[in-house]
Amino acid sequence: MPYPQFDRSLLKPKPLAERAHDMTREEMISPDAPCAFTHPTIDLLADRLRAAKAANAARLMMIGAHVIKTGCSRIVIEMLKRGELSLIAMNGACAIHDYELARIGATTESVARYISEGPVRPVGGDRL
């Protein structure tokens, strides 16, 4: 059974600055803020990063978009500046959130809000 064709003519693109966003630059976490994250192995990770730095070994961080869209960019940048990380690998969504924060000071458009505003209909079908 073929899937119904999506009718792209029903899309209503908005300029980036006109979109509603769920996170702004003011909500970014300061590297000096107390850490609210806890995990049983966080101290082990910190020890291993320090040991790798002392041995002049690579310290890589692989991240997904949530690191950026939850306001942790400044922490990652500070880790790079201090030499605690030597490389960051990220997916495309990270670059998009970083770009939006730099360009307009906000990111994380509300997908749920825009989907609920509809109408989005497949060709010859009912509302999705």
Protein backbone atom coordinates (compact mmCIF):
# COMPACT_ATOMS: atom_id res chain seq x y z
CA MET A 1 0.00 0.00 0.00
CA PRO A 2 1.61 3.30 -1.03
CA TYR A 3 1.67 6.17 1.41
CA PRO A 4 -0.40 9.26 0.55
CA GLN A 5 1.58 12.08 -1.06
CA PHE A 6 2.22 15.05 1.22
CA ASP A 7 0.96 18.28 -0.33
CA ARG A 8 3.76 20.78 0.29
CA SER A 9 1.64 23.63 -1.07
CA LEU A 10 -0.18 23.55 2.29
CA LEU A 11 2.99 24.51 4.19
CA LYS A 12 3.17 28.05 5.50
CA PRO A 13 6.87 28.84 6.01
CA LYS A 14 7.66 31.71 8.36
CA PRO A 15 10.87 33.73 8.56
CA LEU A 16 13.14 32.55 11.36
CA ALA A 17 12.68 35.71 13.45
CA GLU A 18 8.87 35.40 13.29
CA ARG A 19 8.71 31.85 14.66
CA ALA A 20 7.82 31.17 18.28
CA HIS A 21 10.76 29.60 20.12
CA ASP A 22 10.92 27.67 23.37
CA MET A 23 14.46 28.69 24.40
CA THR A 24 16.30 32.03 24.34
CA ARG A 25 19.91 33.07 24.81
CA GLU A 26 19.02 34.43 28.27
CA GLU A 27 18.24 30.87 29.38
CA MET A 28 21.73 29.58 28.58
CA ILE A 29 23.54 28.10 31.55
CA SER A 30 26.63 29.93 32.80
CA PRO A 31 29.79 27.83 33.20
CA ASP A 32 30.05 29.34 36.71
CA ALA A 33 26.57 28.19 37.75
CA PRO A 34 26.33 25.32 40.23
CA CYS A 35 25.91 22.02 38.44
CA ALA A 36 22.41 20.63 38.75
CA PHE A 37 23.29 17.41 36.89
CA THR A 38 23.97 14.30 38.92
CA HIS A 39 25.00 10.84 37.82
CA PRO A 40 26.75 8.03 39.70
CA THR A 41 29.72 8.05 37.30
CA ILE A 42 30.18 11.82 36.78
CA ASP A 43 33.24 11.91 39.09
CA LEU A 44 34.77 8.98 37.20
CA LEU A 45 34.23 10.80 33.90
CA ALA A 46 35.88 13.95 35.30
CA ASP A 47 38.85 11.90 36.57
CA ARG A 48 39.28 10.25 33.18
CA LEU A 49 39.11 13.58 31.35
CA ARG A 50 41.77 15.01 33.66
CA ALA A 51 43.98 11.93 33.17
CA ALA A 52 43.58 12.11 29.39
CA LYS A 53 44.50 15.80 29.41
CA ALA A 54 47.57 15.12 31.58
CA ALA A 55 48.62 12.40 29.10
CA ASN A 56 48.01 14.79 26.21
CA ALA A 57 45.45 12.31 24.82
CA ALA A 58 42.42 13.29 22.79
CA ARG A 59 39.29 14.25 24.71
CA LEU A 60 36.29 13.93 22.43
CA MET A 61 32.70 14.86 23.13
CA MET A 62 29.92 13.56 20.90
CA ILE A 63 26.68 15.48 21.38
CA GLY A 64 23.17 15.67 20.07
CA ALA A 65 20.97 18.74 19.80
CA HIS A 66 19.67 18.61 23.36
CA VAL A 67 23.04 19.81 24.67
CA ILE A 68 22.61 23.02 22.68
CA LYS A 69 18.84 23.47 22.95
CA THR A 70 18.89 23.06 26.74
CA GLY A 71 21.33 25.94 27.13
CA CYS A 72 24.63 24.11 27.73
CA SER A 73 26.58 25.76 24.88
CA ARG A 74 28.60 28.02 27.18
CA ILE A 75 29.72 25.04 29.25
CA VAL A 76 30.95 23.18 26.17
CA ILE A 77 32.72 26.33 24.90
CA GLU A 78 34.41 26.84 28.27
CA MET A 79 35.60 23.21 28.27
CA LEU A 80 37.18 23.81 24.85
CA LYS A 81 38.80 27.07 25.98
CA ARG A 82 40.32 25.36 29.04
CA GLY A 83 41.62 22.49 26.92
CA GLU A 84 39.43 19.98 28.72
CA LEU A 85 38.08 18.88 25.33
CA SER A 86 40.05 18.60 22.12
CA LEU A 87 37.19 17.83 19.72
CA ILE A 88 33.42 18.02 19.57
CA ALA A 89 31.40 15.89 17.16
CA MET A 90 27.78 16.89 16.69
CA ASN A 91 24.78 16.18 14.53
CA GLY A 92 23.16 18.63 12.13
CA ALA A 93 20.49 19.69 14.61
CA CYS A 94 23.26 21.02 16.90
CA ALA A 95 24.49 23.29 14.15
CA ILE A 96 20.96 24.54 13.47
CA HIS A 97 20.30 25.38 17.15
CA ASP A 98 23.72 27.04 17.48
CA TYR A 99 23.10 29.10 14.33
CA GLU A 100 19.66 30.20 15.51
CA LEU A 101 21.00 31.24 18.93
CA ALA A 102 23.79 33.24 17.28
CA ARG A 103 21.55 34.80 14.65
CA ILE A 104 18.35 35.67 16.56
CA GLY A 105 19.06 34.75 20.19
CA ALA A 106 16.44 31.99 20.29
CA THR A 107 15.99 28.40 19.16
CA THR A 108 13.80 25.33 19.53
CA GLU A 109 10.77 26.32 17.55
CA SER A 110 7.66 24.78 19.01
CA VAL A 111 6.96 21.91 16.63
CA ALA A 112 3.92 20.84 18.66
CA ARG A 113 2.46 24.35 18.38
CA TYR A 114 2.93 24.53 14.61
CA ILE A 115 1.66 21.02 13.96
CA SER A 116 -1.49 21.70 15.98
CA GLU A 117 -2.16 24.88 13.99
CA GLY A 118 -2.54 22.78 10.79
CA PRO A 119 -4.22 22.26 8.45
CA VAL A 120 -1.96 19.66 6.96
CA ARG A 121 -3.73 17.18 4.69
CA PRO A 122 -2.35 14.46 2.49
CA VAL A 123 -3.54 14.72 -1.10
CA GLY A 124 -7.02 13.22 -1.21
CA GLY A 125 -7.04 12.50 2.54
CA ASP A 126 -8.34 13.75 5.85
CA ARG A 127 -6.58 16.03 8.32
CA LEU A 128 -3.54 14.38 9.84
